[in-house]
Amino acid sequence: MVQAPLTPSRYDSTEFLKKRLQPILKRNQKIMDVGCGKLFFLDFILKTKKKINYFGIDISPKTNIKFKKNIKGKIVKKSILSFNSNKKFDLIVCLWVLEHIENDMIAQKIMIKHLKSNGYLIIAVPSIWTWPFEFGRHGFHYYSLEAIKKISTKEGLAIKETYRAGGLFGLLFTLAYNWPRFVILVVCFPVYKFLSSTKIISTPWSEFSKKVIDSTWYRYHKNPQLVNLHNRIVKAIVRLDNRIKIFPQSYIIIFQKP
């Protein structure tokens, strides 16, 4: 299996979370993973030997997962906005999900409501600096660090730590990585419109555009040597950006409920 190509922000964030989660994860904790999706966070706790109760919630979750014996897991298909339960959790994580929820303030209130006293809430969101290489297509919101801190502290949470993931060189790398994709799609769109209008193809644009990018710009993703080179470059960029933190692509905030 070919390793997936990393992005500077995601690699930097992952390394930070690996270090900070170790003292937070406790035996028999109840953990809620909001917007669990492809189970990014579960990868962390699957490696622990501690007994943990995992609860994932997402509107379109990955469900074909085998939990280890030390992890009691449940995944439900539901929006956090419609979640209402008497359950309380020791740790709630919401990683790169809040920006996809239009009413993000209500989502945060629901998470805080289900957090135990002294429990932790970890939020990761894209910064305003990601807009130039996403053109606002990632979600409803882009955040400044102060904005996301202000929203949650209004609800009485204490800020334990903040982290800026990515930096200037990571931003430049991501621009170079993403912009050719948009150029290719702009060129292909009129061709797609012609082919679909003449009934030559009936493929949806989302599927058609993905195939185009996968067979052109992202074709090297299938080559282990090239993906390895890509990831080595990303790791070097992260080491460089960690010396001077400007223009971060993500913010990670660890809150604790009094």
C-alpha atoms as a PDB file:
ATOM      1  CA  MET A   1       0.000   0.000   0.000  1.00  0.00           C
ATOM      2  CA  VAL A   2       1.420   3.385  -1.054  1.00  0.00           C
ATOM      3  CA  GLN A   3       1.772   5.884   1.778  1.00  0.00           C
ATOM      4  CA  ALA A   4      -0.426   8.959   1.387  1.00  0.00           C
ATOM      5  CA  PRO A   5       1.301  12.269   0.568  1.00  0.00           C
ATOM      6  CA  LEU A   6       1.442  14.576   3.581  1.00  0.00           C
ATOM      7  CA  THR A   7       0.690  18.278   3.816  1.00  0.00           C
ATOM      8  CA  PRO A   8       2.903  20.466   6.043  1.00  0.00           C
ATOM      9  CA  SER A   9       0.019  21.557   8.267  1.00  0.00           C
ATOM     10  CA  ARG A  10      -1.397  18.063   8.766  1.00  0.00           C
ATOM     11  CA  TYR A  11       2.026  16.525   9.468  1.00  0.00           C
ATOM     12  CA  ASP A  12       2.897  19.301  11.934  1.00  0.00           C
ATOM     13  CA  SER A  13      -0.500  18.931  13.628  1.00  0.00           C
ATOM     14  CA  THR A  14      -0.177  15.153  13.861  1.00  0.00           C
ATOM     15  CA  GLU A  15       3.228  15.351  15.530  1.00  0.00           C
ATOM     16  CA  PHE A  16       1.901  17.907  18.024  1.00  0.00           C
ATOM     17  CA  LEU A  17      -1.141  15.775  18.893  1.00  0.00           C
ATOM     18  CA  LYS A  18       0.997  12.667  19.374  1.00  0.00           C
ATOM     19  CA  LYS A  19       2.973  14.450  22.086  1.00  0.00           C
ATOM     20  CA  ARG A  20       0.086  16.217  23.813  1.00  0.00           C
ATOM     21  CA  LEU A  21      -2.371  13.319  23.863  1.00  0.00           C
ATOM     22  CA  GLN A  22      -0.153  10.995  25.867  1.00  0.00           C
ATOM     23  CA  PRO A  23      -0.634  12.785  29.236  1.00  0.00           C
ATOM     24  CA  ILE A  24      -4.321  13.480  28.480  1.00  0.00           C
ATOM     25  CA  LEU A  25      -5.381   9.935  27.593  1.00  0.00           C
ATOM     26  CA  LYS A  26      -6.306   8.038  30.746  1.00  0.00           C
ATOM     27  CA  ARG A  27      -7.502   4.514  31.476  1.00  0.00           C
ATOM     28  CA  ASN A  28     -11.269   3.949  31.026  1.00  0.00           C
ATOM     29  CA  GLN A  29     -11.838   7.409  29.573  1.00  0.00           C
ATOM     30  CA  LYS A  30     -14.958   8.165  27.589  1.00  0.00           C
ATOM     31  CA  ILE A  31     -13.954   9.880  24.349  1.00  0.00           C
ATOM     32  CA  MET A  32     -16.183  11.576  21.798  1.00  0.00           C
ATOM     33  CA  ASP A  33     -14.840  12.126  18.285  1.00  0.00           C
ATOM     34  CA  VAL A  34     -16.988  14.777  16.578  1.00  0.00           C
ATOM     35  CA  GLY A  35     -16.950  14.442  12.798  1.00  0.00           C
ATOM     36  CA  CYS A  36     -14.970  11.207  13.058  1.00  0.00           C
ATOM     37  CA  GLY A  37     -15.177  10.699   9.258  1.00  0.00           C
ATOM     38  CA  LYS A  38     -12.318   8.464   8.120  1.00  0.00           C
ATOM     39  CA  LEU A  39     -11.286   7.931  11.766  1.00  0.00           C
ATOM     40  CA  PHE A  40      -8.157  10.105  11.750  1.00  0.00           C
ATOM     41  CA  PHE A  41      -8.243  10.496  15.529  1.00  0.00           C
ATOM     42  CA  LEU A  42      -9.009   6.837  16.178  1.00  0.00           C
ATOM     43  CA  ASP A  43      -5.620   5.993  14.646  1.00  0.00           C
ATOM     44  CA  PHE A  44      -4.029   7.604  17.699  1.00  0.00           C
ATOM     45  CA  ILE A  45      -5.959   5.731  20.351  1.00  0.00           C
ATOM     46  CA  LEU A  46      -5.839   2.390  18.536  1.00  0.00           C
ATOM     47  CA  LYS A  47      -2.123   2.390  19.335  1.00  0.00           C
ATOM     48  CA  THR A  48      -2.613   2.858  23.064  1.00  0.00           C
ATOM     49  CA  LYS A  49      -2.838  -0.101  25.433  1.00  0.00           C
ATOM     50  CA  LYS A  50      -5.158   1.765  27.802  1.00  0.00           C
ATOM     51  CA  LYS A  51      -8.800   0.726  28.056  1.00  0.00           C
ATOM     52  CA  ILE A  52     -10.838   3.452  26.391  1.00  0.00           C
ATOM     53  CA  ASN A  53     -14.506   3.968  25.500  1.00  0.00           C
ATOM     54  CA  TYR A  54     -14.667   5.545  22.048  1.00  0.00           C
ATOM     55  CA  PHE A  55     -17.755   7.208  20.592  1.00  0.00           C
ATOM     56  CA  GLY A  56     -17.592   8.580  17.047  1.00  0.00           C
ATOM     57  CA  ILE A  57     -20.246  10.742  15.419  1.00  0.00           C
ATOM     58  CA  ASP A  58     -20.391  11.896  11.792  1.00  0.00           C
ATOM     59  CA  ILE A  59     -22.965  12.467   9.040  1.00  0.00           C
ATOM     60  CA  SER A  60     -21.031  10.061   6.827  1.00  0.00           C
ATOM     61  CA  PRO A  61     -18.684   7.937   8.959  1.00  0.00           C
ATOM     62  CA  LYS A  62     -16.399   5.094   8.035  1.00  0.00           C
ATOM     63  CA  THR A  63     -17.863   2.069   9.787  1.00  0.00           C
ATOM     64  CA  ASN A  64     -15.850  -0.955   8.626  1.00  0.00           C
ATOM     65  CA  ILE A  65     -13.425  -0.784  11.518  1.00  0.00           C
ATOM     66  CA  LYS A  66     -12.326  -3.497  13.946  1.00  0.00           C
ATOM     67  CA  PHE A  67     -11.655  -2.168  17.411  1.00  0.00           C
ATOM     68  CA  LYS A  68      -8.882  -3.626  19.517  1.00  0.00           C
ATOM     69  CA  LYS A  69      -9.880  -5.524  22.647  1.00  0.00           C
ATOM     70  CA  ASN A  70      -8.849  -2.621  24.880  1.00  0.00           C
ATOM     71  CA  ILE A  71     -11.142  -0.182  23.059  1.00  0.00           C
ATOM     72  CA  LYS A  72     -14.910  -0.300  23.412  1.00  0.00           C
ATOM     73  CA  GLY A  73     -16.121   1.554  20.362  1.00  0.00           C
ATOM     74  CA  LYS A  74     -19.311   2.837  18.814  1.00  0.00           C
ATOM     75  CA  ILE A  75     -19.818   4.988  15.713  1.00  0.00           C
ATOM     76  CA  VAL A  76     -23.129   6.653  14.862  1.00  0.00           C
ATOM     77  CA  LYS A  77     -24.333   8.378  11.712  1.00  0.00           C
ATOM     78  CA  LYS A  78     -25.630  11.705  12.963  1.00  0.00           C
ATOM     79  CA  SER A  79     -24.861  15.422  13.008  1.00  0.00           C
ATOM     80  CA  ILE A  80     -23.493  16.867  16.236  1.00  0.00           C
ATOM     81  CA  LEU A  81     -26.234  19.500  15.928  1.00  0.00           C
ATOM     82  CA  SER A  82     -28.894  16.831  16.514  1.00  0.00           C
ATOM     83  CA  PHE A  83     -27.017  14.965  19.259  1.00  0.00           C
ATOM     84  CA  ASN A  84     -28.815  15.001  22.587  1.00  0.00           C
ATOM     85  CA  SER A  85     -27.851  12.584  25.330  1.00  0.00           C
ATOM     86  CA  ASN A  86     -27.233  12.320  29.051  1.00  0.00           C
ATOM     87  CA  LYS A  87     -23.740  11.011  28.307  1.00  0.00           C
ATOM     88  CA  LYS A  88     -20.734  12.977  29.525  1.00  0.00           C
ATOM     89  CA  PHE A  89     -17.240  12.565  28.101  1.00  0.00           C
ATOM     90  CA  ASP A  90     -13.749  12.962  29.558  1.00  0.00           C
ATOM     91  CA  LEU A  91     -12.337  14.063  26.210  1.00  0.00           C
ATOM     92  CA  ILE A  92     -14.051  15.509  23.149  1.00  0.00           C
ATOM     93  CA  VAL A  93     -12.121  16.114  19.946  1.00  0.00           C
ATOM     94  CA  CYS A  94     -13.268  18.055  16.899  1.00  0.00           C
ATOM     95  CA  LEU A  95     -10.446  18.016  14.354  1.00  0.00           C
ATOM     96  CA  TRP A  96     -10.879  20.008  11.131  1.00  0.00           C
ATOM     97  CA  VAL A  97     -14.640  19.578  11.328  1.00  0.00           C
ATOM     98  CA  LEU A  98     -16.004  22.769  12.904  1.00  0.00           C
ATOM     99  CA  GLU A  99     -15.428  24.750   9.702  1.00  0.00           C
ATOM    100  CA  HIS A 100     -17.840  22.411   7.874  1.00  0.00           C
ATOM    101  CA  ILE A 101     -20.676  23.152  10.307  1.00  0.00           C
ATOM    102  CA  GLU A 102     -22.525  26.312   9.334  1.00  0.00           C
ATOM    103  CA  ASN A 103     -23.774  26.942  12.863  1.00  0.00           C
ATOM    104  CA  ASP A 104     -20.413  26.298  14.495  1.00  0.00           C
ATOM    105  CA  MET A 105     -21.244  28.162  17.705  1.00  0.00           C
ATOM    106  CA  ILE A 106     -24.195  25.847  18.431  1.00  0.00           C
ATOM    107  CA  ALA A 107     -21.964  22.840  17.717  1.00  0.00           C
ATOM    108  CA  GLN A 108     -19.433  24.046  20.283  1.00  0.00           C
ATOM    109  CA  LYS A 109     -22.138  24.580  22.900  1.00  0.00           C
ATOM    110  CA  ILE A 110     -23.389  21.027  22.392  1.00  0.00           C
ATOM    111  CA  MET A 111     -19.868  19.634  22.785  1.00  0.00           C
ATOM    112  CA  ILE A 112     -19.271  21.648  25.955  1.00  0.00           C
ATOM    113  CA  LYS A 113     -22.623  20.493  27.342  1.00  0.00           C
ATOM    114  CA  HIS A 114     -21.491  16.865  27.011  1.00  0.00           C
ATOM    115  CA  LEU A 115     -18.053  17.468  28.534  1.00  0.00           C
ATOM    116  CA  LYS A 116     -17.369  16.381  32.112  1.00  0.00           C
ATOM    117  CA  SER A 117     -15.934  18.754  34.679  1.00  0.00           C
ATOM    118  CA  ASN A 118     -12.124  18.776  34.298  1.00  0.00           C
ATOM    119  CA  GLY A 119     -12.624  17.203  30.856  1.00  0.00           C
ATOM    120  CA  TYR A 120     -10.708  18.311  27.774  1.00  0.00           C
ATOM    121  CA  LEU A 121     -11.961  19.673  24.485  1.00  0.00           C
ATOM    122  CA  ILE A 122      -9.486  19.695  21.585  1.00  0.00           C
ATOM    123  CA  ILE A 123     -10.410  21.730  18.511  1.00  0.00           C
ATOM    124  CA  ALA A 124      -8.418  21.964  15.270  1.00  0.00           C
ATOM    125  CA  VAL A 125      -9.510  24.395  12.557  1.00  0.00           C
ATOM    126  CA  PRO A 126      -8.087  25.881   9.335  1.00  0.00           C
ATOM    127  CA  SER A 127      -6.658  29.368   9.624  1.00  0.00           C
ATOM    128  CA  ILE A 128      -7.556  32.350   7.459  1.00  0.00           C
ATOM    129  CA  TRP A 129      -4.262  31.728   5.622  1.00  0.00           C
ATOM    130  CA  THR A 130      -5.607  28.566   3.992  1.00  0.00           C
ATOM    131  CA  TRP A 131      -8.130  30.515   1.899  1.00  0.00           C
ATOM    132  CA  PRO A 132      -5.607  31.425  -0.885  1.00  0.00           C
ATOM    133  CA  PHE A 133      -5.059  27.785  -1.838  1.00  0.00           C
ATOM    134  CA  GLU A 134      -8.632  26.615  -1.221  1.00  0.00           C
ATOM    135  CA  PHE A 135     -10.558  29.611  -2.595  1.00  0.00           C
ATOM    136  CA  GLY A 136     -13.106  29.238   0.193  1.00  0.00           C
ATOM    137  CA  ARG A 137     -14.091  25.740  -0.928  1.00  0.00           C
ATOM    138  CA  HIS A 138     -13.073  23.858   2.221  1.00  0.00           C
ATOM    139  CA  GLY A 139     -16.017  24.793   4.437  1.00  0.00           C
ATOM    140  CA  PHE A 140     -18.202  27.555   5.814  1.00  0.00           C
ATOM    141  CA  HIS A 141     -15.556  29.109   8.058  1.00  0.00           C
ATOM    142  CA  TYR A 142     -11.908  30.126   8.270  1.00  0.00           C
ATOM    143  CA  TYR A 143     -10.621  31.173  11.667  1.00  0.00           C
ATOM    144  CA  SER A 144      -8.240  33.511  13.386  1.00  0.00           C
ATOM    145  CA  LEU A 145      -6.766  32.155  16.606  1.00  0.00           C
ATOM    146  CA  GLU A 146      -8.401  34.888  18.663  1.00  0.00           C
ATOM    147  CA  ALA A 147     -11.827  34.209  17.164  1.00  0.00           C
ATOM    148  CA  ILE A 148     -11.869  30.505  17.996  1.00  0.00           C
ATOM    149  CA  LYS A 149     -10.479  31.147  21.495  1.00  0.00           C
ATOM    150  CA  LYS A 150     -13.126  33.792  22.139  1.00  0.00           C
ATOM    151  CA  ILE A 151     -16.032  31.546  21.102  1.00  0.00           C
ATOM    152  CA  SER A 152     -15.123  28.750  23.519  1.00  0.00           C
ATOM    153  CA  THR A 153     -13.948  30.850  26.454  1.00  0.00           C
ATOM    154  CA  LYS A 154     -17.370  32.547  26.401  1.00  0.00           C
ATOM    155  CA  GLU A 155     -18.719  29.167  27.489  1.00  0.00           C
ATOM    156  CA  GLY A 156     -16.412  29.078  30.513  1.00  0.00           C
ATOM    157  CA  LEU A 157     -13.595  26.890  29.196  1.00  0.00           C
ATOM    158  CA  ALA A 158     -10.002  27.446  30.243  1.00  0.00           C
ATOM    159  CA  ILE A 159      -7.337  27.478  27.524  1.00  0.00           C
ATOM    160  CA  LYS A 160      -4.598  24.987  28.372  1.00  0.00           C
ATOM    161  CA  GLU A 161      -2.548  25.282  25.178  1.00  0.00           C
ATOM    162  CA  THR A 162      -2.666  26.660  21.657  1.00  0.00           C
ATOM    163  CA  TYR A 163      -0.616  25.561  18.669  1.00  0.00           C
ATOM    164  CA  ARG A 164       0.002  27.075  15.241  1.00  0.00           C
ATOM    165  CA  ALA A 165       0.530  24.296  12.690  1.00  0.00           C
ATOM    166  CA  GLY A 166       2.345  25.021   9.461  1.00  0.00           C
ATOM    167  CA  GLY A 167       4.038  28.248   8.450  1.00  0.00           C
ATOM    168  CA  LEU A 168       5.247  30.421   5.584  1.00  0.00           C
ATOM    169  CA  PHE A 169       7.151  27.715   3.713  1.00  0.00           C
ATOM    170  CA  GLY A 170       4.309  25.266   4.237  1.00  0.00           C
ATOM    171  CA  LEU A 171       1.934  27.858   2.801  1.00  0.00           C
ATOM    172  CA  LEU A 172       4.121  28.355  -0.270  1.00  0.00           C
ATOM    173  CA  PHE A 173       4.446  24.594  -0.743  1.00  0.00           C
ATOM    174  CA  THR A 174       0.681  24.110  -0.509  1.00  0.00           C
ATOM    175  CA  LEU A 175       0.050  26.923  -2.984  1.00  0.00           C
ATOM    176  CA  ALA A 176       2.412  25.259  -5.462  1.00  0.00           C
ATOM    177  CA  TYR A 177       0.767  21.900  -4.756  1.00  0.00           C
ATOM    178  CA  ASN A 178      -2.839  23.063  -5.166  1.00  0.00           C
ATOM    179  CA  TRP A 179      -2.901  25.824  -7.780  1.00  0.00           C
ATOM    180  CA  PRO A 180      -1.995  23.602 -10.778  1.00  0.00           C
ATOM    181  CA  ARG A 181      -5.008  21.493  -9.842  1.00  0.00           C
ATOM    182  CA  PHE A 182      -7.308  24.497 -10.197  1.00  0.00           C
ATOM    183  CA  VAL A 183      -5.714  25.479 -13.520  1.00  0.00           C
ATOM    184  CA  ILE A 184      -6.314  21.971 -14.883  1.00  0.00           C
ATOM    185  CA  LEU A 185      -9.937  22.035 -13.733  1.00  0.00           C
ATOM    186  CA  VAL A 186     -10.590  25.457 -15.264  1.00  0.00           C
ATOM    187  CA  VAL A 187      -9.313  24.167 -18.620  1.00  0.00           C
ATOM    188  CA  CYS A 188     -11.288  20.926 -18.355  1.00  0.00           C
ATOM    189  CA  PHE A 189     -14.604  22.430 -17.291  1.00  0.00           C
ATOM    190  CA  PRO A 190     -15.666  23.696 -20.773  1.00  0.00           C
ATOM    191  CA  VAL A 191     -14.733  20.306 -22.211  1.00  0.00           C
ATOM    192  CA  TYR A 192     -16.838  18.592 -19.558  1.00  0.00           C
ATOM    193  CA  LYS A 193     -19.803  20.887 -20.251  1.00  0.00           C
ATOM    194  CA  PHE A 194     -19.624  20.087 -23.961  1.00  0.00           C
ATOM    195  CA  LEU A 195     -19.370  16.333 -23.400  1.00  0.00           C
ATOM    196  CA  SER A 196     -22.209  16.290 -20.886  1.00  0.00           C
ATOM    197  CA  SER A 197     -24.487  18.556 -22.964  1.00  0.00           C
ATOM    198  CA  THR A 198     -24.030  16.313 -26.008  1.00  0.00           C
ATOM    199  CA  LYS A 199     -24.744  13.238 -23.849  1.00  0.00           C
ATOM    200  CA  ILE A 200     -21.328  11.767 -24.633  1.00  0.00           C
ATOM    201  CA  ILE A 201     -20.765  11.346 -20.903  1.00  0.00           C
ATOM    202  CA  SER A 202     -23.166  11.278 -17.955  1.00  0.00           C
ATOM    203  CA  THR A 203     -20.570  11.362 -15.169  1.00  0.00           C
ATOM    204  CA  PRO A 204     -21.136  14.019 -12.442  1.00  0.00           C
ATOM    205  CA  TRP A 205     -18.589  16.862 -12.420  1.00  0.00           C
ATOM    206  CA  SER A 206     -17.295  15.870  -8.975  1.00  0.00           C
ATOM    207  CA  GLU A 207     -16.437  12.377 -10.190  1.00  0.00           C
ATOM    208  CA  PHE A 208     -15.135  13.566 -13.573  1.00  0.00           C
ATOM    209  CA  SER A 209     -12.866  16.240 -12.053  1.00  0.00           C
ATOM    210  CA  LYS A 210     -11.433  13.780  -9.515  1.00  0.00           C
ATOM    211  CA  LYS A 211     -10.528  11.335 -12.272  1.00  0.00           C
ATOM    212  CA  VAL A 212      -8.867  14.101 -14.286  1.00  0.00           C
ATOM    213  CA  ILE A 213      -6.719  15.263 -11.370  1.00  0.00           C
ATOM    214  CA  ASP A 214      -5.860  11.717 -10.268  1.00  0.00           C
ATOM    215  CA  SER A 215      -4.709  10.848 -13.786  1.00  0.00           C
ATOM    216  CA  THR A 216      -2.691  14.046 -14.321  1.00  0.00           C
ATOM    217  CA  TRP A 217      -1.359  16.221 -11.491  1.00  0.00           C
ATOM    218  CA  TYR A 218      -1.806  13.628  -8.727  1.00  0.00           C
ATOM    219  CA  ARG A 219      -0.653  10.703 -10.825  1.00  0.00           C
ATOM    220  CA  TYR A 220       2.588  10.468  -8.862  1.00  0.00           C
ATOM    221  CA  HIS A 221       0.576   9.526  -5.741  1.00  0.00           C
ATOM    222  CA  LYS A 222       0.675   5.940  -7.008  1.00  0.00           C
ATOM    223  CA  ASN A 223       4.468   5.898  -7.093  1.00  0.00           C
ATOM    224  CA  PRO A 224       5.983   4.983  -3.665  1.00  0.00           C
ATOM    225  CA  GLN A 225       9.351   6.588  -4.457  1.00  0.00           C
ATOM    226  CA  LEU A 226       7.796   9.898  -5.505  1.00  0.00           C
ATOM    227  CA  VAL A 227       5.413   9.965  -2.534  1.00  0.00           C
ATOM    228  CA  ASN A 228       8.364   9.243  -0.240  1.00  0.00           C
ATOM    229  CA  LEU A 229      10.252  12.173  -1.788  1.00  0.00           C
ATOM    230  CA  HIS A 230       7.165  14.374  -1.370  1.00  0.00           C
ATOM    231  CA  ASN A 231       6.909  13.463   2.330  1.00  0.00           C
ATOM    232  CA  ARG A 232      10.623  14.021   2.958  1.00  0.00           C
ATOM    233  CA  ILE A 233      10.261  17.520   1.511  1.00  0.00           C
ATOM    234  CA  VAL A 234       7.206  18.165   3.702  1.00  0.00           C
ATOM    235  CA  LYS A 235       9.036  17.065   6.862  1.00  0.00           C
ATOM    236  CA  ALA A 236      11.973  19.331   6.015  1.00  0.00           C
ATOM    237  CA  ILE A 237       9.567  22.238   5.459  1.00  0.00           C
ATOM    238  CA  VAL A 238       7.915  21.627   8.849  1.00  0.00           C
ATOM    239  CA  ARG A 239      11.293  21.636  10.615  1.00  0.00           C
ATOM    240  CA  LEU A 240      12.062  24.959   8.938  1.00  0.00           C
ATOM    241  CA  ASP A 241       8.668  26.485   9.730  1.00  0.00           C
ATOM    242  CA  ASN A 242       8.860  25.436  13.369  1.00  0.00           C
ATOM    243  CA  ARG A 243      11.749  27.846  13.843  1.00  0.00           C
ATOM    244  CA  ILE A 244       9.603  30.841  12.899  1.00  0.00           C
ATOM    245  CA  LYS A 245       5.816  30.528  13.098  1.00  0.00           C
ATOM    246  CA  ILE A 246       4.147  32.899  10.632  1.00  0.00           C
ATOM    247  CA  PHE A 247       1.158  32.309   8.341  1.00  0.00           C
ATOM    248  CA  PRO A 248       0.046  29.034  10.023  1.00  0.00           C
ATOM    249  CA  GLN A 249      -2.475  26.894   8.154  1.00  0.00           C
ATOM    250  CA  SER A 250      -4.162  25.361  11.210  1.00  0.00           C
ATOM    251  CA  TYR A 251      -4.827  26.194  14.832  1.00  0.00           C
ATOM    252  CA  ILE A 252      -5.123  23.580  17.565  1.00  0.00           C
ATOM    253  CA  ILE A 253      -6.573  24.650  20.895  1.00  0.00           C
ATOM    254  CA  ILE A 254      -6.767  22.482  24.010  1.00  0.00           C
ATOM    255  CA  PHE A 255      -9.475  23.593  26.425  1.00  0.00           C
ATOM    256  CA  GLN A 256     -10.407  22.284  29.845  1.00  0.00           C
ATOM    257  CA  LYS A 257     -13.797  22.562  31.525  1.00  0.00           C
ATOM    258  CA  PRO A 258     -13.598  23.739  35.155  1.00  0.00           C
END
